[in-house]
Amino acid sequence: MDFEKARDIQNRINKIIAGLKLAHIKPQSVICFRSWGSSSRALARIWSLPRIWQKALDVPAHYAIEILSEKFDRLSEEEKTKVLIHELLHIPKTFSGALRPHRTGTFTLDQRAVNKLYREYRKSKRG
């Protein structure tokens, strides 16, 4: 598998964070990558820097968003934005280096939540 930093995705992520006013997310600590050659069925995935590694390396929490080029790049612009919103929803309000699973307590990361935020994001771009 090969990967490299993805400035185009980084720009999209920064716009989504600003447009949705996701103040708990530190854009400078979210790094985006494009990968090729993965056998995963995923379109994208998010990676965290767990607390133990933050302490070991004496760095704050960081997240890496990886888009799997063969699948992600074929999507419509709308679907790409929804996938990136989905990945950002995995980042907890504490920005601790942990990841929120798809279902936990009152939080459910499902298509309805993503679609709602996508509509809000579209409105923020118009206004």
C-alpha atoms as a PDB file:
ATOM      1  CA  MET A   1       0.000   0.000   0.000  1.00  0.00           C
ATOM      2  CA  ASP A   2       1.249   3.485  -0.857  1.00  0.00           C
ATOM      3  CA  PHE A   3       0.111   6.789   0.574  1.00  0.00           C
ATOM      4  CA  GLU A   4       0.915  10.486   0.478  1.00  0.00           C
ATOM      5  CA  LYS A   5      -0.431  13.663   2.025  1.00  0.00           C
ATOM      6  CA  ALA A   6      -3.551  14.888   0.262  1.00  0.00           C
ATOM      7  CA  ARG A   7      -3.694  18.684   0.174  1.00  0.00           C
ATOM      8  CA  ASP A   8      -6.987  18.677  -1.742  1.00  0.00           C
ATOM      9  CA  ILE A   9      -8.625  16.586   0.990  1.00  0.00           C
ATOM     10  CA  GLN A  10      -6.980  18.737   3.672  1.00  0.00           C
ATOM     11  CA  ASN A  11      -8.591  21.832   2.110  1.00  0.00           C
ATOM     12  CA  ARG A  12     -11.993  20.132   1.984  1.00  0.00           C
ATOM     13  CA  ILE A  13     -11.692  19.012   5.601  1.00  0.00           C
ATOM     14  CA  ASN A  14     -10.752  22.541   6.716  1.00  0.00           C
ATOM     15  CA  LYS A  15     -13.764  23.972   4.869  1.00  0.00           C
ATOM     16  CA  ILE A  16     -16.097  21.393   6.427  1.00  0.00           C
ATOM     17  CA  ILE A  17     -14.742  22.075   9.930  1.00  0.00           C
ATOM     18  CA  ALA A  18     -15.253  25.832   9.447  1.00  0.00           C
ATOM     19  CA  GLY A  19     -18.613  25.507   7.667  1.00  0.00           C
ATOM     20  CA  LEU A  20     -20.091  23.259  10.350  1.00  0.00           C
ATOM     21  CA  LYS A  21     -18.430  25.234  13.145  1.00  0.00           C
ATOM     22  CA  LEU A  22     -16.819  22.111  14.607  1.00  0.00           C
ATOM     23  CA  ALA A  23     -14.891  24.193  17.149  1.00  0.00           C
ATOM     24  CA  HIS A  24     -13.682  21.136  19.078  1.00  0.00           C
ATOM     25  CA  ILE A  25     -11.630  19.994  16.064  1.00  0.00           C
ATOM     26  CA  LYS A  26      -8.187  21.535  15.651  1.00  0.00           C
ATOM     27  CA  PRO A  27      -7.661  21.581  11.878  1.00  0.00           C
ATOM     28  CA  GLN A  28      -3.879  21.790  12.239  1.00  0.00           C
ATOM     29  CA  SER A  29      -3.990  18.457  14.074  1.00  0.00           C
ATOM     30  CA  VAL A  30      -5.988  16.616  11.415  1.00  0.00           C
ATOM     31  CA  ILE A  31      -3.716  15.392   8.626  1.00  0.00           C
ATOM     32  CA  CYS A  32      -5.149  13.976   5.407  1.00  0.00           C
ATOM     33  CA  PHE A  33      -3.717  11.215   3.238  1.00  0.00           C
ATOM     34  CA  ARG A  34      -4.592   9.516  -0.020  1.00  0.00           C
ATOM     35  CA  SER A  35      -3.710   5.826  -0.261  1.00  0.00           C
ATOM     36  CA  TRP A  36      -3.542   3.302  -3.090  1.00  0.00           C
ATOM     37  CA  GLY A  37      -3.457  -0.459  -3.103  1.00  0.00           C
ATOM     38  CA  SER A  38      -5.513  -1.248   0.002  1.00  0.00           C
ATOM     39  CA  SER A  39      -7.712  -4.323  -0.040  1.00  0.00           C
ATOM     40  CA  SER A  40     -10.120  -2.680   2.430  1.00  0.00           C
ATOM     41  CA  ARG A  41     -13.749  -2.203   1.436  1.00  0.00           C
ATOM     42  CA  ALA A  42     -13.738   1.227   3.117  1.00  0.00           C
ATOM     43  CA  LEU A  43     -13.930   4.510   1.197  1.00  0.00           C
ATOM     44  CA  ALA A  44     -12.025   6.337   3.911  1.00  0.00           C
ATOM     45  CA  ARG A  45     -10.899   5.793   7.474  1.00  0.00           C
ATOM     46  CA  ILE A  46      -9.696   7.818  10.398  1.00  0.00           C
ATOM     47  CA  TRP A  47      -6.679   7.014  12.533  1.00  0.00           C
ATOM     48  CA  SER A  48      -5.973   8.409  15.971  1.00  0.00           C
ATOM     49  CA  LEU A  49      -2.883   8.976  18.057  1.00  0.00           C
ATOM     50  CA  PRO A  50      -3.795   7.259  21.326  1.00  0.00           C
ATOM     51  CA  ARG A  51      -3.007   8.893  24.641  1.00  0.00           C
ATOM     52  CA  ILE A  52      -0.136   6.525  25.428  1.00  0.00           C
ATOM     53  CA  TRP A  53       1.651   7.613  22.225  1.00  0.00           C
ATOM     54  CA  GLN A  54       0.868  11.268  22.912  1.00  0.00           C
ATOM     55  CA  LYS A  55       2.628  10.891  26.268  1.00  0.00           C
ATOM     56  CA  ALA A  56       5.491   8.829  24.851  1.00  0.00           C
ATOM     57  CA  LEU A  57       6.184  11.344  22.076  1.00  0.00           C
ATOM     58  CA  ASP A  58       5.218  14.425  24.115  1.00  0.00           C
ATOM     59  CA  VAL A  59       2.775  15.632  21.459  1.00  0.00           C
ATOM     60  CA  PRO A  60      -0.900  16.612  21.561  1.00  0.00           C
ATOM     61  CA  ALA A  61      -3.698  14.571  20.027  1.00  0.00           C
ATOM     62  CA  HIS A  62      -3.663  14.193  16.255  1.00  0.00           C
ATOM     63  CA  TYR A  63      -5.881  12.447  13.753  1.00  0.00           C
ATOM     64  CA  ALA A  64      -5.156  11.168  10.241  1.00  0.00           C
ATOM     65  CA  ILE A  65      -7.921  10.878   7.688  1.00  0.00           C
ATOM     66  CA  GLU A  66      -7.067   8.442   4.933  1.00  0.00           C
ATOM     67  CA  ILE A  67      -9.071   8.311   1.740  1.00  0.00           C
ATOM     68  CA  LEU A  68      -8.715   5.146  -0.319  1.00  0.00           C
ATOM     69  CA  SER A  69      -8.157   6.579  -3.767  1.00  0.00           C
ATOM     70  CA  GLU A  70      -9.520   3.726  -5.877  1.00  0.00           C
ATOM     71  CA  LYS A  71     -12.925   4.018  -4.221  1.00  0.00           C
ATOM     72  CA  PHE A  72     -13.165   7.589  -2.898  1.00  0.00           C
ATOM     73  CA  ASP A  73     -11.993   9.403  -6.031  1.00  0.00           C
ATOM     74  CA  ARG A  74     -14.831   7.881  -8.099  1.00  0.00           C
ATOM     75  CA  LEU A  75     -17.545   9.348  -5.852  1.00  0.00           C
ATOM     76  CA  SER A  76     -19.612  12.426  -6.680  1.00  0.00           C
ATOM     77  CA  GLU A  77     -18.595  15.653  -4.947  1.00  0.00           C
ATOM     78  CA  GLU A  78     -21.640  15.346  -2.663  1.00  0.00           C
ATOM     79  CA  GLU A  79     -20.734  11.798  -1.628  1.00  0.00           C
ATOM     80  CA  LYS A  80     -17.094  12.783  -1.034  1.00  0.00           C
ATOM     81  CA  THR A  81     -18.228  15.546   1.316  1.00  0.00           C
ATOM     82  CA  LYS A  82     -20.554  13.154   3.156  1.00  0.00           C
ATOM     83  CA  VAL A  83     -17.751  10.605   3.589  1.00  0.00           C
ATOM     84  CA  LEU A  84     -15.469  13.294   5.035  1.00  0.00           C
ATOM     85  CA  ILE A  85     -18.217  14.501   7.398  1.00  0.00           C
ATOM     86  CA  HIS A  86     -18.662  10.899   8.515  1.00  0.00           C
ATOM     87  CA  GLU A  87     -14.948  10.593   9.309  1.00  0.00           C
ATOM     88  CA  LEU A  88     -14.948  13.888  11.247  1.00  0.00           C
ATOM     89  CA  LEU A  89     -17.857  12.633  13.369  1.00  0.00           C
ATOM     90  CA  HIS A  90     -15.538   9.973  14.761  1.00  0.00           C
ATOM     91  CA  ILE A  91     -13.564  12.714  16.553  1.00  0.00           C
ATOM     92  CA  PRO A  92     -14.913  13.189  20.089  1.00  0.00           C
ATOM     93  CA  LYS A  93     -15.726  16.629  21.545  1.00  0.00           C
ATOM     94  CA  THR A  94     -12.710  16.233  23.847  1.00  0.00           C
ATOM     95  CA  PHE A  95     -10.287  15.972  20.882  1.00  0.00           C
ATOM     96  CA  SER A  96      -8.386  13.535  23.077  1.00  0.00           C
ATOM     97  CA  GLY A  97      -6.967  11.146  20.511  1.00  0.00           C
ATOM     98  CA  ALA A  98      -9.796   8.686  21.080  1.00  0.00           C
ATOM     99  CA  LEU A  99     -12.287   7.696  18.383  1.00  0.00           C
ATOM    100  CA  ARG A 100     -16.056   7.557  18.615  1.00  0.00           C
ATOM    101  CA  PRO A 101     -17.488   4.269  17.352  1.00  0.00           C
ATOM    102  CA  HIS A 102     -20.526   4.135  15.095  1.00  0.00           C
ATOM    103  CA  ARG A 103     -22.855   3.343  18.002  1.00  0.00           C
ATOM    104  CA  THR A 104     -22.348   4.309  21.601  1.00  0.00           C
ATOM    105  CA  GLY A 105     -24.879   5.480  24.162  1.00  0.00           C
ATOM    106  CA  THR A 106     -26.941   8.290  22.650  1.00  0.00           C
ATOM    107  CA  PHE A 107     -24.518   8.809  19.750  1.00  0.00           C
ATOM    108  CA  THR A 108     -25.232   6.961  16.545  1.00  0.00           C
ATOM    109  CA  LEU A 109     -23.095   7.759  13.534  1.00  0.00           C
ATOM    110  CA  ASP A 110     -25.538   6.881  10.798  1.00  0.00           C
ATOM    111  CA  GLN A 111     -26.479   8.179   7.376  1.00  0.00           C
ATOM    112  CA  ARG A 112     -29.243  10.395   8.803  1.00  0.00           C
ATOM    113  CA  ALA A 113     -26.735  12.273  10.970  1.00  0.00           C
ATOM    114  CA  VAL A 114     -24.366  12.674   8.033  1.00  0.00           C
ATOM    115  CA  ASN A 115     -27.157  13.856   5.712  1.00  0.00           C
ATOM    116  CA  LYS A 116     -28.343  16.415   8.266  1.00  0.00           C
ATOM    117  CA  LEU A 117     -24.852  17.840   8.650  1.00  0.00           C
ATOM    118  CA  TYR A 118     -24.360  17.807   4.886  1.00  0.00           C
ATOM    119  CA  ARG A 119     -27.486  19.991   4.481  1.00  0.00           C
ATOM    120  CA  GLU A 120     -26.158  22.365   7.165  1.00  0.00           C
ATOM    121  CA  TYR A 121     -22.798  22.513   5.402  1.00  0.00           C
ATOM    122  CA  ARG A 122     -24.461  23.327   2.051  1.00  0.00           C
ATOM    123  CA  LYS A 123     -26.393  26.153   3.734  1.00  0.00           C
ATOM    124  CA  SER A 124     -23.202  27.545   5.276  1.00  0.00           C
ATOM    125  CA  LYS A 125     -21.584  27.690   1.825  1.00  0.00           C
ATOM    126  CA  ARG A 126     -24.511  29.699   0.416  1.00  0.00           C
ATOM    127  CA  GLY A 127     -24.840  32.145   3.265  1.00  0.00           C
END
